[in-house]
N, C-alpha and C. Protein backbone atom coordinates (compact mmCIF):
# COMPACT_ATOMS: atom_id res chain seq x y z
N MET A 1 -52.41 4.14 -2.56
CA MET A 1 -50.99 5.09 -2.96
C MET A 1 -50.10 4.89 -2.44
N ASP A 2 -48.82 4.89 -3.72
CA ASP A 2 -47.55 4.70 -3.01
C ASP A 2 -46.94 5.80 -2.39
N TYR A 3 -45.64 5.78 -1.87
CA TYR A 3 -44.87 6.58 -1.20
C TYR A 3 -44.63 7.99 -1.94
N GLU A 4 -44.43 7.06 -3.38
CA GLU A 4 -43.90 8.64 -4.02
C GLU A 4 -45.17 9.37 -4.48
N GLN A 5 -46.05 9.16 -5.00
CA GLN A 5 -47.34 9.34 -5.11
C GLN A 5 -47.73 9.95 -4.18
N GLU A 6 -47.49 9.95 -2.97
CA GLU A 6 -48.00 10.54 -2.02
C GLU A 6 -46.96 12.00 -1.56
N ASN A 7 -45.81 11.59 -1.76
CA ASN A 7 -45.16 13.31 -1.63
C ASN A 7 -44.95 14.16 -2.83
N ILE A 8 -45.67 13.69 -4.04
CA ILE A 8 -45.99 14.16 -5.10
C ILE A 8 -47.16 15.19 -4.34
N LEU A 9 -48.35 14.70 -4.38
CA LEU A 9 -49.52 15.02 -3.75
C LEU A 9 -49.10 15.67 -2.60
N ILE A 10 -48.15 15.88 -1.58
CA ILE A 10 -48.06 16.60 -0.34
C ILE A 10 -46.87 18.18 -1.00
N GLN A 11 -46.41 17.80 -1.82
CA GLN A 11 -45.79 18.97 -2.50
C GLN A 11 -46.11 19.62 -3.24
N LYS A 12 -47.56 19.07 -3.96
CA LYS A 12 -48.50 20.06 -4.76
C LYS A 12 -49.25 20.89 -4.35
N ARG A 13 -49.55 20.36 -2.83
CA ARG A 13 -50.40 21.10 -2.16
C ARG A 13 -49.59 21.96 -1.24
N ILE A 14 -48.38 22.09 -0.81
CA ILE A 14 -47.47 23.32 -0.20
C ILE A 14 -46.94 24.05 -1.81
N GLU A 15 -47.08 23.58 -2.56
CA GLU A 15 -46.87 24.82 -3.93
C GLU A 15 -48.22 25.20 -3.80
N ARG A 16 -49.55 24.65 -3.43
CA ARG A 16 -50.42 25.58 -3.87
C ARG A 16 -50.68 26.53 -2.83
N TYR A 17 -50.76 26.22 -1.63
CA TYR A 17 -50.65 26.74 -0.05
C TYR A 17 -49.31 28.26 -0.23
N LEU A 18 -48.17 28.40 -0.60
CA LEU A 18 -47.33 29.37 -1.01
C LEU A 18 -48.24 30.01 -1.89
N ASP A 19 -48.70 29.73 -3.42
CA ASP A 19 -48.65 30.53 -4.42
C ASP A 19 -49.75 31.16 -3.85
N GLN A 20 -50.59 31.04 -2.92
CA GLN A 20 -51.71 31.65 -2.52
C GLN A 20 -50.98 33.17 -1.51
N GLY A 21 -49.88 32.93 -1.62
CA GLY A 21 -49.17 33.92 -0.58
C GLY A 21 -49.21 33.90 1.59
N TYR A 22 -49.78 32.67 1.84
CA TYR A 22 -49.80 32.16 2.85
C TYR A 22 -48.72 32.20 3.28
N GLY A 23 -48.09 32.20 4.62
CA GLY A 23 -46.70 32.13 5.34
C GLY A 23 -45.85 33.52 5.89
N SER A 24 -44.72 33.35 6.31
CA SER A 24 -44.51 34.35 5.77
C SER A 24 -44.08 35.46 4.34
N VAL A 25 -44.16 36.22 4.65
CA VAL A 25 -43.84 37.09 3.19
C VAL A 25 -43.14 38.59 3.13
N PHE A 26 -41.63 38.25 3.71
CA PHE A 26 -40.47 38.94 3.61
C PHE A 26 -40.20 39.31 2.63
N LEU A 27 -40.76 38.81 0.94
CA LEU A 27 -40.44 38.90 -0.01
C LEU A 27 -41.18 40.32 -0.53
N LYS A 28 -41.99 40.01 0.38
CA LYS A 28 -43.19 41.29 -0.17
C LYS A 28 -42.34 42.71 -0.26
N ASP A 29 -41.34 42.83 0.65
CA ASP A 29 -40.49 44.21 1.01
C ASP A 29 -39.42 44.35 -0.36
N THR A 30 -39.88 45.53 -1.17
CA THR A 30 -39.39 45.59 -2.29
C THR A 30 -37.73 45.16 -2.26
N ARG A 31 -37.39 46.14 -1.08
CA ARG A 31 -35.66 45.94 -0.79
C ARG A 31 -35.28 44.58 -0.92
N VAL A 32 -35.78 43.29 -0.02
CA VAL A 32 -36.03 41.84 -0.18
C VAL A 32 -35.66 41.19 -1.63
N ALA A 33 -36.82 41.61 -2.09
CA ALA A 33 -37.41 41.10 -3.63
C ALA A 33 -36.48 41.38 -3.86
N THR A 34 -36.16 42.72 -4.64
CA THR A 34 -35.26 43.20 -5.24
C THR A 34 -33.35 42.77 -5.11
N MET A 35 -32.89 42.02 -3.89
CA MET A 35 -31.85 41.91 -3.74
C MET A 35 -31.97 40.22 -4.18
N VAL A 36 -33.17 39.57 -4.12
CA VAL A 36 -32.90 38.09 -4.46
C VAL A 36 -33.14 38.39 -5.73
N GLN A 37 -33.67 38.98 -6.42
CA GLN A 37 -33.65 38.69 -7.89
C GLN A 37 -32.22 39.55 -8.67
N ASN A 38 -31.44 40.35 -7.72
CA ASN A 38 -30.07 41.15 -8.39
C ASN A 38 -29.25 39.19 -7.87
N SER A 39 -29.51 38.88 -6.87
CA SER A 39 -28.53 37.96 -6.67
C SER A 39 -28.74 36.50 -7.73
N LEU A 40 -29.59 36.63 -8.52
CA LEU A 40 -30.10 35.38 -9.96
C LEU A 40 -28.71 36.05 -10.79
N LEU A 41 -29.45 37.24 -10.72
CA LEU A 41 -28.70 37.75 -12.12
C LEU A 41 -27.37 37.92 -12.00
N LYS A 42 -26.88 38.03 -10.89
CA LYS A 42 -25.67 37.92 -10.59
C LYS A 42 -24.72 36.96 -11.06
N PHE A 43 -25.03 36.14 -11.27
CA PHE A 43 -24.19 34.54 -11.74
C PHE A 43 -25.18 33.85 -12.99
N ASP A 44 -25.99 34.86 -13.45
CA ASP A 44 -26.30 33.99 -15.10
C ASP A 44 -25.44 34.69 -16.09
N ALA A 45 -24.90 33.44 -16.78
CA ALA A 45 -23.59 33.35 -17.31
C ALA A 45 -22.58 33.47 -16.66
N VAL A 46 -22.66 33.07 -15.50
CA VAL A 46 -21.16 32.44 -14.86
C VAL A 46 -21.21 31.10 -14.23
N ARG A 47 -22.76 30.99 -13.28
CA ARG A 47 -22.45 29.56 -13.14
C ARG A 47 -23.60 29.00 -13.66
N TYR A 48 -24.71 29.51 -14.48
CA TYR A 48 -25.78 28.92 -15.22
C TYR A 48 -26.52 29.83 -16.17
N ASN A 49 -27.28 29.22 -17.07
CA ASN A 49 -28.20 30.06 -17.63
C ASN A 49 -29.33 30.65 -16.98
N LEU A 50 -29.69 31.72 -16.81
CA LEU A 50 -31.00 32.10 -16.23
C LEU A 50 -32.02 32.18 -17.11
N SER A 51 -33.18 30.96 -17.36
CA SER A 51 -34.37 31.47 -17.99
C SER A 51 -35.20 32.07 -17.90
N SER A 52 -36.02 32.11 -16.94
CA SER A 52 -37.01 32.63 -16.13
C SER A 52 -37.16 32.75 -14.47
N TRP A 53 -37.57 33.81 -14.06
CA TRP A 53 -37.65 33.24 -12.69
C TRP A 53 -39.09 34.58 -12.18
N VAL A 54 -39.52 34.56 -10.80
CA VAL A 54 -40.34 35.37 -10.24
C VAL A 54 -40.22 35.36 -8.84
N VAL A 55 -40.34 36.33 -8.39
CA VAL A 55 -40.44 36.42 -7.12
C VAL A 55 -41.65 37.23 -6.10
N MET A 56 -42.17 36.07 -5.26
CA MET A 56 -43.30 35.97 -4.96
C MET A 56 -43.15 36.55 -4.02
N PRO A 57 -44.22 37.14 -2.83
CA PRO A 57 -44.41 37.31 -1.52
C PRO A 57 -43.32 36.69 -0.95
N ASN A 58 -43.46 35.40 -1.14
CA ASN A 58 -43.46 33.97 0.23
C ASN A 58 -42.33 33.23 -0.43
N HIS A 59 -41.89 33.39 -1.67
CA HIS A 59 -40.95 32.48 -2.41
C HIS A 59 -40.54 33.03 -3.43
N SER A 60 -39.52 32.33 -4.21
CA SER A 60 -39.42 32.35 -5.77
C SER A 60 -39.23 31.05 -6.29
N HIS A 61 -39.33 31.16 -7.64
CA HIS A 61 -39.63 30.28 -8.55
C HIS A 61 -38.58 30.53 -9.77
N PHE A 62 -37.34 29.85 -10.01
CA PHE A 62 -36.45 30.12 -11.22
C PHE A 62 -36.31 28.48 -12.42
N LEU A 63 -36.32 28.55 -13.09
CA LEU A 63 -35.42 28.00 -14.02
C LEU A 63 -33.93 28.58 -14.63
N LEU A 64 -33.61 27.64 -14.56
CA LEU A 64 -31.99 27.36 -14.94
C LEU A 64 -31.17 26.23 -15.63
N THR A 65 -30.15 26.52 -16.17
CA THR A 65 -28.94 25.26 -16.86
C THR A 65 -28.07 25.84 -16.06
N ARG A 66 -27.80 24.57 -15.30
CA ARG A 66 -26.45 24.84 -14.68
C ARG A 66 -25.38 25.09 -15.46
N PHE A 67 -24.01 25.35 -15.14
CA PHE A 67 -22.56 25.44 -16.15
C PHE A 67 -22.34 23.69 -15.68
N GLU A 68 -21.39 23.13 -16.45
CA GLU A 68 -21.00 22.17 -16.20
C GLU A 68 -19.91 22.13 -14.88
N ASP A 69 -19.06 23.07 -14.37
CA ASP A 69 -18.44 23.06 -13.57
C ASP A 69 -19.35 23.03 -12.31
N TRP A 70 -20.61 23.07 -11.88
CA TRP A 70 -21.07 23.57 -11.31
C TRP A 70 -22.26 22.83 -10.95
N GLU A 71 -22.23 22.12 -9.45
CA GLU A 71 -23.80 21.19 -9.12
C GLU A 71 -24.51 22.05 -8.55
N LEU A 72 -25.84 21.74 -8.67
CA LEU A 72 -26.95 22.54 -8.61
C LEU A 72 -27.19 22.53 -7.02
N GLU A 73 -26.95 21.34 -6.11
CA GLU A 73 -26.71 21.98 -4.39
C GLU A 73 -25.90 22.63 -4.34
N GLN A 74 -24.32 22.97 -4.93
CA GLN A 74 -23.86 23.98 -5.12
C GLN A 74 -24.48 25.76 -5.52
N ILE A 75 -24.79 25.62 -6.27
CA ILE A 75 -26.04 26.85 -6.73
C ILE A 75 -27.13 27.15 -5.45
N MET A 76 -27.65 25.84 -5.17
CA MET A 76 -28.68 25.94 -4.38
C MET A 76 -28.52 26.70 -2.62
N HIS A 77 -26.92 26.47 -2.48
CA HIS A 77 -27.13 26.87 -1.03
C HIS A 77 -25.99 28.12 -1.08
N SER A 78 -25.39 28.32 -2.08
CA SER A 78 -24.67 29.70 -2.03
C SER A 78 -26.24 30.57 -2.40
N PHE A 79 -27.27 30.38 -2.88
CA PHE A 79 -27.94 31.14 -3.14
C PHE A 79 -29.26 31.26 -1.90
N LYS A 80 -29.10 30.48 -1.03
CA LYS A 80 -29.85 30.08 0.01
C LYS A 80 -29.07 30.97 1.38
N SER A 81 -28.02 30.46 0.85
CA SER A 81 -27.03 31.63 1.90
C SER A 81 -27.32 32.50 1.77
N TYR A 82 -26.58 33.04 0.83
CA TYR A 82 -26.53 34.81 0.59
C TYR A 82 -27.92 35.36 0.95
N THR A 83 -28.79 34.93 0.50
CA THR A 83 -30.14 35.55 0.31
C THR A 83 -30.96 35.75 1.77
N ALA A 84 -30.90 34.57 2.38
CA ALA A 84 -30.60 34.62 4.09
C ALA A 84 -30.15 35.57 4.73
N HIS A 85 -28.94 35.94 4.56
CA HIS A 85 -28.32 36.34 5.26
C HIS A 85 -28.22 37.83 5.14
N GLU A 86 -28.33 38.35 3.42
CA GLU A 86 -28.88 39.62 3.21
C GLU A 86 -30.20 40.17 3.77
N ALA A 87 -31.56 38.78 3.32
CA ALA A 87 -32.59 39.52 4.44
C ALA A 87 -32.38 40.12 5.46
N ASN A 88 -32.27 39.35 6.08
CA ASN A 88 -32.01 39.46 7.80
C ASN A 88 -30.74 40.81 7.81
N LYS A 89 -30.12 40.65 7.39
CA LYS A 89 -29.79 42.23 7.53
C LYS A 89 -30.44 43.89 7.05
N ILE A 90 -31.61 43.39 6.05
CA ILE A 90 -32.32 44.62 5.30
C ILE A 90 -33.10 44.84 6.24
N LEU A 91 -33.61 43.75 6.87
CA LEU A 91 -35.33 43.19 8.04
C LEU A 91 -34.99 43.47 9.42
N ASN A 92 -33.05 43.91 9.54
CA ASN A 92 -32.78 44.00 10.66
C ASN A 92 -33.10 42.58 12.08
N ALA A 93 -33.13 41.82 11.06
CA ALA A 93 -33.60 40.38 11.94
C ALA A 93 -32.39 39.95 12.79
N VAL A 94 -32.33 39.58 14.28
CA VAL A 94 -32.06 38.70 14.54
C VAL A 94 -31.88 37.26 14.68
N VAL A 95 -30.71 36.72 13.96
CA VAL A 95 -30.52 35.34 14.06
C VAL A 95 -30.20 34.82 15.26
N SER A 96 -30.88 33.44 15.44
CA SER A 96 -30.63 32.57 16.90
C SER A 96 -29.25 32.11 16.48
N SER A 97 -28.36 31.87 17.25
CA SER A 97 -27.24 30.84 17.00
C SER A 97 -27.93 29.27 17.55
N GLY A 98 -29.29 29.35 17.80
CA GLY A 98 -29.30 27.58 18.37
C GLY A 98 -29.66 27.10 17.26
């Protein structure tokens, strides 16, 4: 098995694991799940066209088509950064600076 096939297999195993609800389930908190959904919807028709999404207890999936002026890396960085900070606020989590 070559390197690329091995990576695909590992990724599929990780996705199955996550889809079964293992790991941290911060998105099980309705406040956090709603915030994640709202953050996706906020930039729909602004930075991208959002086709579909699902917020699961420990991760989310979404399909979007980015607008020409926005790189996928920018969209993902913004989304992850914002939702992580907001989730920490909601959950009163202490973020270590280490």
